[in-house]
N, C-alpha and C. Protein backbone atom coordinates (compact mmCIF):
# COMPACT_ATOMS: atom_id res chain seq x y z
N MET A 1 0.76 -1.21 -0.12
CA MET A 1 0.02 -0.02 0.07
C MET A 1 0.76 1.25 0.11
N LYS A 2 2.17 1.19 0.75
CA LYS A 2 2.76 2.20 0.70
C LYS A 2 3.42 2.66 -0.21
N ASN A 3 3.64 1.90 -1.44
CA ASN A 3 4.17 1.91 -2.77
C ASN A 3 3.11 2.68 -3.58
N SER A 4 1.86 2.47 -3.39
CA SER A 4 1.02 3.23 -4.31
C SER A 4 0.39 4.73 -3.97
N ILE A 5 0.92 4.67 -2.43
CA ILE A 5 0.55 6.04 -1.86
C ILE A 5 1.78 6.98 -2.51
N GLU A 6 3.11 6.07 -2.44
CA GLU A 6 4.01 7.12 -2.84
C GLU A 6 4.09 7.52 -4.09
N LYS A 7 3.51 6.38 -5.31
CA LYS A 7 3.30 6.61 -6.62
C LYS A 7 2.20 7.67 -6.85
N TYR A 8 1.08 7.72 -6.34
CA TYR A 8 0.19 8.83 -6.26
C TYR A 8 0.71 10.09 -5.78
N GLY A 9 1.68 10.23 -5.03
CA GLY A 9 2.11 11.56 -4.49
C GLY A 9 2.87 12.02 -5.72
N PHE A 10 3.72 10.95 -6.28
CA PHE A 10 4.91 11.53 -7.18
C PHE A 10 3.80 11.80 -8.33
N TYR A 11 2.59 11.25 -8.60
CA TYR A 11 2.16 11.85 -9.92
C TYR A 11 1.20 13.17 -9.46
N PHE A 12 0.97 13.15 -8.19
CA PHE A 12 0.19 14.79 -7.71
C PHE A 12 1.09 15.57 -7.83
N LEU A 13 2.70 15.40 -7.81
CA LEU A 13 3.93 16.41 -7.50
C LEU A 13 3.93 16.87 -9.00
N ILE A 14 4.00 15.97 -10.03
CA ILE A 14 4.20 16.22 -11.54
C ILE A 14 3.14 16.67 -11.96
N SER A 15 1.85 16.57 -11.58
CA SER A 15 0.75 17.35 -12.18
C SER A 15 0.84 18.62 -11.73
N VAL A 16 1.08 19.10 -10.46
CA VAL A 16 1.02 20.36 -9.82
C VAL A 16 2.20 21.28 -10.70
N ILE A 17 3.41 20.49 -10.99
CA ILE A 17 4.22 21.12 -11.83
C ILE A 17 3.63 21.63 -13.10
N ILE A 18 3.37 20.48 -13.74
CA ILE A 18 2.61 20.88 -15.32
C ILE A 18 1.68 21.95 -14.97
N LEU A 19 0.78 21.76 -14.10
CA LEU A 19 -0.36 22.94 -13.90
C LEU A 19 0.20 24.35 -13.79
N TYR A 20 1.43 24.30 -12.88
CA TYR A 20 1.99 25.80 -12.64
C TYR A 20 2.65 26.36 -14.12
N LEU A 21 3.47 25.22 -15.06
CA LEU A 21 3.84 25.38 -16.13
C LEU A 21 2.92 26.12 -17.19
N LEU A 22 1.78 25.42 -17.26
CA LEU A 22 0.66 25.40 -18.01
C LEU A 22 0.18 27.24 -17.96
N LEU A 23 -0.01 27.39 -16.54
CA LEU A 23 -0.55 28.46 -16.00
C LEU A 23 0.51 29.85 -16.14
N TYR A 24 1.81 29.33 -16.18
CA TYR A 24 3.05 30.47 -16.49
C TYR A 24 2.85 30.85 -17.96
N ILE A 25 2.43 29.85 -18.56
CA ILE A 25 2.27 30.28 -20.23
C ILE A 25 1.16 31.11 -20.53
N PHE A 26 0.08 31.02 -19.83
CA PHE A 26 -0.97 31.66 -20.03
C PHE A 26 -1.04 33.09 -19.24
N PHE A 27 -0.49 32.98 -17.99
CA PHE A 27 -0.62 34.22 -17.15
C PHE A 27 0.65 34.17 -16.25
N PRO A 28 1.67 34.70 -17.01
CA PRO A 28 3.07 34.69 -16.04
C PRO A 28 3.20 35.48 -14.81
N GLN A 29 2.80 36.67 -14.86
CA GLN A 29 2.52 37.50 -13.89
C GLN A 29 1.88 37.05 -12.48
N LYS A 30 0.79 36.67 -12.79
CA LYS A 30 -0.10 35.95 -11.73
C LYS A 30 0.20 34.69 -11.13
N THR A 31 1.12 33.74 -12.10
CA THR A 31 1.74 32.54 -11.60
C THR A 31 3.15 32.78 -10.74
N GLN A 32 3.82 34.21 -11.24
CA GLN A 32 4.90 34.35 -10.58
C GLN A 32 4.37 34.86 -9.07
N GLU A 33 3.31 35.59 -9.08
CA GLU A 33 3.10 36.17 -7.60
C GLU A 33 2.51 34.97 -6.69
N ALA A 34 1.86 34.20 -7.39
CA ALA A 34 1.36 32.85 -6.78
C ALA A 34 2.41 32.35 -6.02
N LEU A 35 3.55 31.86 -6.79
CA LEU A 35 4.60 31.47 -6.73
C LEU A 35 5.51 31.83 -5.50
N LEU A 36 5.55 33.21 -5.58
CA LEU A 36 6.19 33.98 -4.32
C LEU A 36 5.34 34.17 -3.23
N ALA A 37 4.06 33.88 -3.20
CA ALA A 37 3.52 34.00 -2.26
C ALA A 37 3.37 32.78 -1.46
N SER A 38 3.63 31.71 -2.20
CA SER A 38 3.61 30.07 -1.72
C SER A 38 5.13 29.97 -0.99
N LEU A 39 6.20 30.59 -1.49
CA LEU A 39 7.17 30.65 -0.86
C LEU A 39 7.56 31.50 0.28
N SER A 40 6.97 32.85 0.39
CA SER A 40 7.07 33.50 1.30
C SER A 40 6.01 32.70 2.54
N LEU A 41 4.91 32.07 2.40
CA LEU A 41 4.23 31.03 3.39
C LEU A 41 5.37 29.82 3.85
N LEU A 42 6.03 29.31 3.03
CA LEU A 42 6.84 28.45 3.49
C LEU A 42 8.09 28.77 4.39
N LYS A 43 8.41 29.85 3.87
CA LYS A 43 9.44 30.40 4.77
C LYS A 43 8.94 31.00 6.40
N THR A 44 7.63 31.21 6.32
CA THR A 44 6.91 31.65 7.66
C THR A 44 6.72 30.23 8.16
N ILE A 45 6.34 28.90 7.96
CA ILE A 45 5.95 27.99 8.52
C ILE A 45 7.18 26.84 8.50
N ILE A 46 8.39 27.05 8.34
CA ILE A 46 9.58 26.16 8.13
C ILE A 46 9.91 25.97 9.77
N PRO A 47 9.92 27.11 10.34
CA PRO A 47 10.37 27.19 11.83
C PRO A 47 9.09 26.20 12.71
N LEU A 48 8.21 26.30 12.31
CA LEU A 48 7.16 25.45 12.98
C LEU A 48 7.00 24.14 12.62
N LEU A 49 7.46 23.98 11.42
CA LEU A 49 7.62 22.66 11.10
C LEU A 49 8.79 21.94 11.46
N ILE A 50 9.86 22.52 11.63
CA ILE A 50 11.23 22.07 12.24
C ILE A 50 10.87 21.71 13.75
N LEU A 51 10.04 22.69 14.52
CA LEU A 51 9.58 22.17 15.86
C LEU A 51 8.74 20.87 15.90
N VAL A 52 7.84 20.65 14.80
CA VAL A 52 7.07 19.72 14.86
C VAL A 52 7.71 18.38 14.74
N PHE A 53 8.82 18.26 13.79
CA PHE A 53 9.44 17.21 13.61
C PHE A 53 10.46 16.62 14.88
N ILE A 54 10.80 17.77 15.40
CA ILE A 54 11.60 17.78 16.87
C ILE A 54 10.96 17.08 17.75
N PHE A 55 9.37 17.85 17.82
CA PHE A 55 8.40 17.03 19.04
C PHE A 55 8.21 15.59 18.52
N MET A 56 7.93 15.18 17.24
CA MET A 56 7.35 13.83 16.87
C MET A 56 8.94 13.01 16.99
N GLY A 57 10.27 13.53 16.81
CA GLY A 57 11.09 12.73 17.18
C GLY A 57 11.31 12.40 18.86
N ILE A 58 11.09 13.23 19.66
CA ILE A 58 11.27 13.17 21.05
C ILE A 58 10.07 12.14 21.36
N VAL A 59 8.79 12.39 21.00
CA VAL A 59 7.76 11.54 21.04
C VAL A 59 7.79 10.18 20.74
N ASN A 60 8.41 9.87 19.69
CA ASN A 60 8.76 8.36 18.97
C ASN A 60 9.58 7.82 19.86
N TYR A 61 10.83 8.43 20.52
CA TYR A 61 11.68 7.87 21.23
C TYR A 61 11.33 7.68 22.61
N LEU A 62 10.26 8.62 23.17
CA LEU A 62 10.06 8.31 24.44
C LEU A 62 8.78 7.42 24.67
N ILE A 63 8.01 7.37 23.74
CA ILE A 63 6.81 6.54 24.00
C ILE A 63 6.68 5.50 23.18
N THR A 64 6.82 4.50 24.02
CA THR A 64 6.81 2.80 23.33
C THR A 64 5.59 2.37 23.18
N PRO A 65 5.46 1.44 22.25
CA PRO A 65 4.25 0.33 22.39
C PRO A 65 3.82 -0.05 24.08
N LYS A 66 4.78 -0.37 24.83
CA LYS A 66 4.51 -0.74 26.10
C LYS A 66 3.80 0.42 26.85
N THR A 67 4.13 1.61 26.54
CA THR A 67 3.59 2.94 27.36
C THR A 67 2.17 3.05 26.89
N ILE A 68 2.15 2.98 25.37
CA ILE A 68 0.77 3.48 25.04
C ILE A 68 -0.19 2.25 25.52
N SER A 69 0.32 1.21 25.45
CA SER A 69 -0.63 -0.10 26.16
C SER A 69 -1.45 0.32 27.56
N ARG A 70 -0.12 0.53 28.30
CA ARG A 70 -0.11 0.87 29.62
C ARG A 70 -1.37 2.07 29.77
N TYR A 71 -1.00 3.02 29.37
CA TYR A 71 -2.14 4.20 29.43
C TYR A 71 -3.30 4.21 28.63
N LEU A 72 -3.26 3.86 27.66
CA LEU A 72 -4.14 3.61 26.64
C LEU A 72 -5.00 2.54 26.01
N GLY A 73 -4.39 1.41 26.77
CA GLY A 73 -5.10 0.07 26.09
C GLY A 73 -6.02 -0.32 27.09
N LYS A 74 -6.37 -1.56 26.81
CA LYS A 74 -7.61 -2.16 27.38
C LYS A 74 -7.74 -2.42 29.07
N GLU A 75 -6.45 -2.40 29.36
CA GLU A 75 -6.40 -2.32 30.97
C GLU A 75 -6.20 -0.62 31.54
N SER A 76 -6.29 0.40 30.70
CA SER A 76 -5.86 1.58 31.08
C SER A 76 -6.73 2.14 32.19
N GLY A 77 -7.95 1.99 32.21
CA GLY A 77 -8.89 2.36 33.12
C GLY A 77 -9.22 3.63 33.27
N ILE A 78 -9.59 4.44 34.43
CA ILE A 78 -9.78 5.75 34.41
C ILE A 78 -8.88 6.68 34.02
N LYS A 79 -7.48 6.42 34.15
CA LYS A 79 -6.48 7.13 33.37
C LYS A 79 -6.47 7.18 32.18
N GLY A 80 -6.54 6.41 31.34
CA GLY A 80 -6.66 6.29 29.91
C GLY A 80 -7.89 7.27 29.37
N TRP A 81 -8.99 7.30 30.04
CA TRP A 81 -10.29 8.20 29.87
C TRP A 81 -9.90 9.47 30.16
N LEU A 82 -9.16 9.82 30.98
CA LEU A 82 -8.57 11.31 31.33
C LEU A 82 -7.70 11.66 30.58
N ILE A 83 -6.80 10.91 30.15
CA ILE A 83 -5.73 11.11 28.81
C ILE A 83 -6.41 11.58 27.45
N ALA A 84 -7.41 10.41 27.33
CA ALA A 84 -7.74 10.86 26.01
C ALA A 84 -9.09 12.20 25.92
N VAL A 85 -9.53 12.59 26.91
CA VAL A 85 -10.61 13.47 27.26
C VAL A 85 -9.64 14.80 26.91
N ALA A 86 -8.41 14.81 28.20
CA ALA A 86 -7.82 15.98 28.29
C ALA A 86 -7.09 16.21 26.75
N PHE A 87 -6.62 15.23 26.03
CA PHE A 87 -5.80 15.66 24.83
C PHE A 87 -6.66 15.95 23.85
N GLY A 88 -7.77 15.37 23.89
CA GLY A 88 -8.92 16.03 22.90
C GLY A 88 -9.40 17.27 23.05
N ILE A 89 -9.53 17.73 24.27
CA ILE A 89 -9.77 18.98 24.70
C ILE A 89 -8.45 19.95 23.90
N ILE A 90 -7.23 19.67 24.57
CA ILE A 90 -6.11 20.48 24.21
C ILE A 90 -5.71 20.36 22.66
N SER A 91 -5.95 19.63 22.05
CA SER A 91 -5.88 19.41 20.43
C SER A 91 -6.11 20.23 19.89
N HIS A 92 -5.21 20.86 18.91
CA HIS A 92 -5.71 22.09 17.72
C HIS A 92 -5.19 21.66 16.33
N GLY A 93 -5.76 22.34 15.61
CA GLY A 93 -5.49 22.23 13.92
C GLY A 93 -6.35 21.43 13.48
N SER A 94 -6.08 20.79 12.27
CA SER A 94 -6.89 20.18 11.20
C SER A 94 -7.09 18.91 11.98
N ILE A 95 -8.12 18.09 12.06
CA ILE A 95 -8.61 16.72 12.59
C ILE A 95 -8.04 15.81 11.64
N TYR A 96 -7.81 16.10 10.55
CA TYR A 96 -7.18 14.98 9.52
C TYR A 96 -5.76 14.66 9.71
N ALA A 97 -5.23 15.53 10.51
CA ALA A 97 -3.58 15.57 10.74
C ALA A 97 -3.47 14.42 11.98
N TYR A 98 -4.37 14.35 12.66
CA TYR A 98 -4.72 13.36 13.89
C TYR A 98 -5.06 11.73 13.61
N PHE A 99 -5.51 11.69 12.40
CA PHE A 99 -5.76 10.21 11.85
C PHE A 99 -4.47 9.49 11.79
N PRO A 100 -3.55 9.92 11.17
CA PRO A 100 -2.39 8.91 11.12
C PRO A 100 -1.94 8.48 12.19
N MET A 101 -1.87 9.58 13.49
CA MET A 101 -1.34 9.21 14.57
C MET A 101 -2.06 8.31 15.57
N LEU A 102 -3.38 8.61 15.20
CA LEU A 102 -4.64 7.78 16.01
C LEU A 102 -4.60 6.22 15.33
N GLY A 103 -4.16 6.08 14.16
CA GLY A 103 -4.14 4.76 13.72
C GLY A 103 -2.89 3.98 13.95
N GLU A 104 -1.80 4.99 14.34
CA GLU A 104 -0.44 4.31 14.78
C GLU A 104 -0.92 3.77 16.18
N LEU A 105 -1.39 4.93 17.04
CA LEU A 105 -1.71 4.54 18.54
C LEU A 105 -2.47 3.36 18.54
N LYS A 106 -3.62 3.09 17.81
CA LYS A 106 -4.32 1.92 17.74
C LYS A 106 -3.69 0.64 17.35
N LYS A 107 -2.82 0.75 16.38
CA LYS A 107 -1.74 -0.55 16.15
C LYS A 107 -0.99 -0.96 17.41
N TYR A 108 -0.71 -0.10 18.32
CA TYR A 108 0.00 -0.23 19.58
C TYR A 108 -0.86 -0.36 20.69
N GLY A 109 -2.22 -0.77 20.47
CA GLY A 109 -3.18 -1.14 21.37
C GLY A 109 -4.13 -0.22 22.04
N MET A 110 -4.06 1.38 21.42
CA MET A 110 -5.09 2.11 21.94
C MET A 110 -6.67 1.56 21.73
N ARG A 111 -7.43 1.77 22.65
CA ARG A 111 -8.78 1.25 22.55
C ARG A 111 -9.66 1.95 21.74
N ASN A 112 -10.39 1.51 21.01
CA ASN A 112 -11.42 2.29 19.94
C ASN A 112 -12.06 3.37 20.72
N ALA A 113 -12.52 2.89 22.07
CA ALA A 113 -13.39 4.16 23.05
C ALA A 113 -12.58 5.16 23.26
N LEU A 114 -11.14 5.14 23.46
CA LEU A 114 -10.73 6.35 23.87
C LEU A 114 -10.36 7.04 22.63
N ILE A 115 -10.22 6.31 21.43
CA ILE A 115 -10.24 7.17 20.20
C ILE A 115 -11.59 8.03 20.00
N ALA A 116 -12.57 7.39 20.27
CA ALA A 116 -13.82 7.97 20.00
C ALA A 116 -13.86 9.34 20.82
N ALA A 117 -13.48 9.01 22.10
CA ALA A 117 -13.55 10.12 23.08
C ALA A 117 -12.77 11.17 22.82
N PHE A 118 -11.54 11.04 22.35
CA PHE A 118 -10.52 11.78 22.27
C PHE A 118 -11.16 12.97 20.81
N LEU A 119 -11.77 12.38 19.76
CA LEU A 119 -12.11 12.79 18.56
C LEU A 119 -13.16 13.71 19.12
N TYR A 120 -14.07 13.05 20.13
CA TYR A 120 -15.45 13.93 20.25
C TYR A 120 -15.21 15.12 21.04
N ASN A 121 -14.09 15.17 22.02
CA ASN A 121 -13.71 16.16 22.98
C ASN A 121 -12.92 17.37 22.14
N ARG A 122 -12.37 16.79 20.69
CA ARG A 122 -11.98 17.92 19.97
C ARG A 122 -12.99 19.29 19.70
N ALA A 123 -14.33 18.92 19.76
CA ALA A 123 -15.15 19.91 19.77
C ALA A 123 -15.14 20.93 20.94
N ILE A 124 -14.39 21.00 21.77
CA ILE A 124 -14.31 21.75 23.03
C ILE A 124 -13.01 22.66 22.76
N LYS A 125 -13.10 23.81 22.51
CA LYS A 125 -11.97 24.63 21.96
C LYS A 125 -11.82 25.54 22.78
N ILE A 126 -10.79 25.46 23.62
CA ILE A 126 -10.19 26.29 24.68
C ILE A 126 -10.17 27.74 24.28
N PRO A 127 -9.70 28.28 23.04
CA PRO A 127 -9.43 29.34 22.60
C PRO A 127 -11.05 30.27 22.14
N LEU A 128 -11.92 29.32 22.16
CA LEU A 128 -13.38 30.07 21.88
C LEU A 128 -14.19 30.17 23.20
N LEU A 129 -13.71 29.67 24.26
CA LEU A 129 -14.47 29.65 25.50
C LEU A 129 -14.88 30.90 26.00
N PRO A 130 -13.79 32.00 25.96
CA PRO A 130 -14.09 33.36 26.33
C PRO A 130 -15.00 33.87 25.38
N LEU A 131 -15.23 33.70 24.20
CA LEU A 131 -16.19 34.04 23.48
C LEU A 131 -17.68 33.44 23.64
N LEU A 132 -17.70 32.22 24.07
CA LEU A 132 -18.88 31.51 24.42
C LEU A 132 -19.33 32.13 25.58
N ILE A 133 -18.41 32.46 26.53
CA ILE A 133 -18.74 33.00 28.02
C ILE A 133 -19.46 34.29 27.64
N TYR A 134 -18.79 34.99 26.61
CA TYR A 134 -19.48 36.64 26.42
C TYR A 134 -20.86 36.37 25.85
N TYR A 135 -21.02 35.33 24.87
CA TYR A 135 -22.49 35.22 24.26
C TYR A 135 -23.34 34.59 25.01
N PHE A 136 -22.85 33.37 25.73
CA PHE A 136 -23.92 32.74 26.56
C PHE A 136 -23.91 32.60 27.96
N GLY A 137 -22.80 33.27 28.76
CA GLY A 137 -22.91 33.21 29.76
C GLY A 137 -21.99 31.82 30.57
N ALA A 138 -21.18 32.22 31.87
CA ALA A 138 -20.32 31.21 32.19
C ALA A 138 -21.11 29.99 32.71
N THR A 139 -22.10 30.16 33.19
CA THR A 139 -23.03 28.73 33.70
C THR A 139 -23.20 28.23 32.29
N TYR A 140 -23.71 28.48 31.54
CA TYR A 140 -24.11 27.74 30.12
C TYR A 140 -22.69 26.90 29.64
N VAL A 141 -21.61 27.83 29.84
CA VAL A 141 -20.55 26.90 29.13
C VAL A 141 -19.98 26.21 29.75
N VAL A 142 -19.95 26.12 31.35
CA VAL A 142 -19.48 25.19 32.01
C VAL A 142 -20.47 23.89 32.33
N VAL A 143 -21.68 24.22 31.94
CA VAL A 143 -22.64 22.99 31.93
C VAL A 143 -22.44 22.53 30.37
N LEU A 144 -22.27 22.98 29.31
CA LEU A 144 -21.91 22.50 28.16
C LEU A 144 -20.55 21.70 27.93
N THR A 145 -19.63 22.24 28.40
CA THR A 145 -18.58 21.65 28.63
C THR A 145 -18.88 20.19 29.23
N ILE A 146 -19.04 20.29 30.59
CA ILE A 146 -19.13 18.93 31.46
C ILE A 146 -20.12 18.04 30.64
N TYR A 147 -21.22 18.59 29.84
CA TYR A 147 -22.39 17.74 29.35
C TYR A 147 -21.34 16.90 28.05
N MET A 148 -20.61 17.58 27.41
CA MET A 148 -19.84 17.46 26.07
C MET A 148 -18.96 16.19 26.60
N THR A 149 -18.06 16.59 27.62
CA THR A 149 -17.29 15.32 28.24
C THR A 149 -17.85 14.18 28.75
N ILE A 150 -19.05 14.17 29.67
CA ILE A 150 -19.71 13.25 29.61
C ILE A 150 -20.23 12.37 28.39
N ALA A 151 -20.64 13.23 27.64
CA ALA A 151 -21.11 12.56 26.38
C ALA A 151 -20.19 11.79 25.37
N SER A 152 -18.76 12.39 25.68
CA SER A 152 -17.67 11.53 24.88
C SER A 152 -17.49 10.35 25.65
N VAL A 153 -17.40 10.29 26.98
CA VAL A 153 -17.08 8.92 27.62
C VAL A 153 -18.35 7.95 27.29
N ALA A 154 -19.64 8.74 27.24
CA ALA A 154 -20.92 7.83 26.94
C ALA A 154 -20.79 7.08 25.18
N LEU A 155 -20.23 8.15 24.68
CA LEU A 155 -20.10 7.71 23.22
C LEU A 155 -18.94 6.54 22.69
N GLY A 156 -17.63 6.61 23.78
CA GLY A 156 -16.65 5.88 23.85
C GLY A 156 -17.21 4.33 24.49
N LEU A 157 -17.89 4.63 25.24
CA LEU A 157 -18.34 3.39 25.86
C LEU A 157 -19.27 2.56 24.91
N THR A 158 -20.22 3.12 24.25
CA THR A 158 -20.83 2.73 23.07
C THR A 158 -20.16 2.20 22.00
N ILE A 159 -19.12 2.81 21.63
CA ILE A 159 -18.34 2.35 20.57
C ILE A 159 -17.28 1.06 21.15
N ASP A 160 -17.08 1.15 22.47
CA ASP A 160 -16.28 -0.20 22.92
C ASP A 160 -17.49 -1.54 23.12
N LEU A 161 -18.95 -1.33 23.25
CA LEU A 161 -19.80 -2.02 23.37
C LEU A 161 -19.82 -2.62 21.60
N VAL A 162 -19.96 -1.96 20.76
CA VAL A 162 -20.26 -2.25 19.37
C VAL A 162 -19.00 -2.65 18.64
N SER A 163 -17.87 -2.25 19.28
CA SER A 163 -16.62 -2.67 18.29
C SER A 163 -16.47 -4.05 18.39
N THR A 164 -15.92 -4.45 17.11
CA THR A 164 -15.52 -5.79 16.81
C THR A 164 -14.07 -6.17 17.16
N ASP A 165 -13.21 -5.09 17.59
CA ASP A 165 -12.11 -5.16 18.19
C ASP A 165 -11.96 -5.30 19.57
N LYS A 166 -11.74 -6.71 20.09
CA LYS A 166 -11.88 -6.80 21.48
C LYS A 166 -10.78 -7.74 21.76
């Protein structure tokens, strides 16, 4: 499967290069502006990408399958739920970026229930809480957050009941 993904990635790269060349033929000024904007964006995000790669390397070095199994596996208990809920709440960015990581964690023994709880709790956005409090009041936000956390555990338990991975 990896070879087919690499093959399609290569085809995608070639397609983008050909598209840029065609656009350059018909719209040279706009194509140059787009390319310069892309390079400017790349210069901005390179330090962040380096930090992410360093963080991933540290995590890969420190977290072993045994650790994952102990904290997020079948016998993880309440601490597994707390970890899944907490990391779901504090996680940010595109949800698609988390799918490969969750797939790897699942291979090492993470329970489907905890994956469901993690994904459900991504709906709680810490940066948006002040805005919610401003519009709806603190009581509403606290009740909603507690409800969503409890609902994530209920959903996880339901996933555990219907899951074929036991």
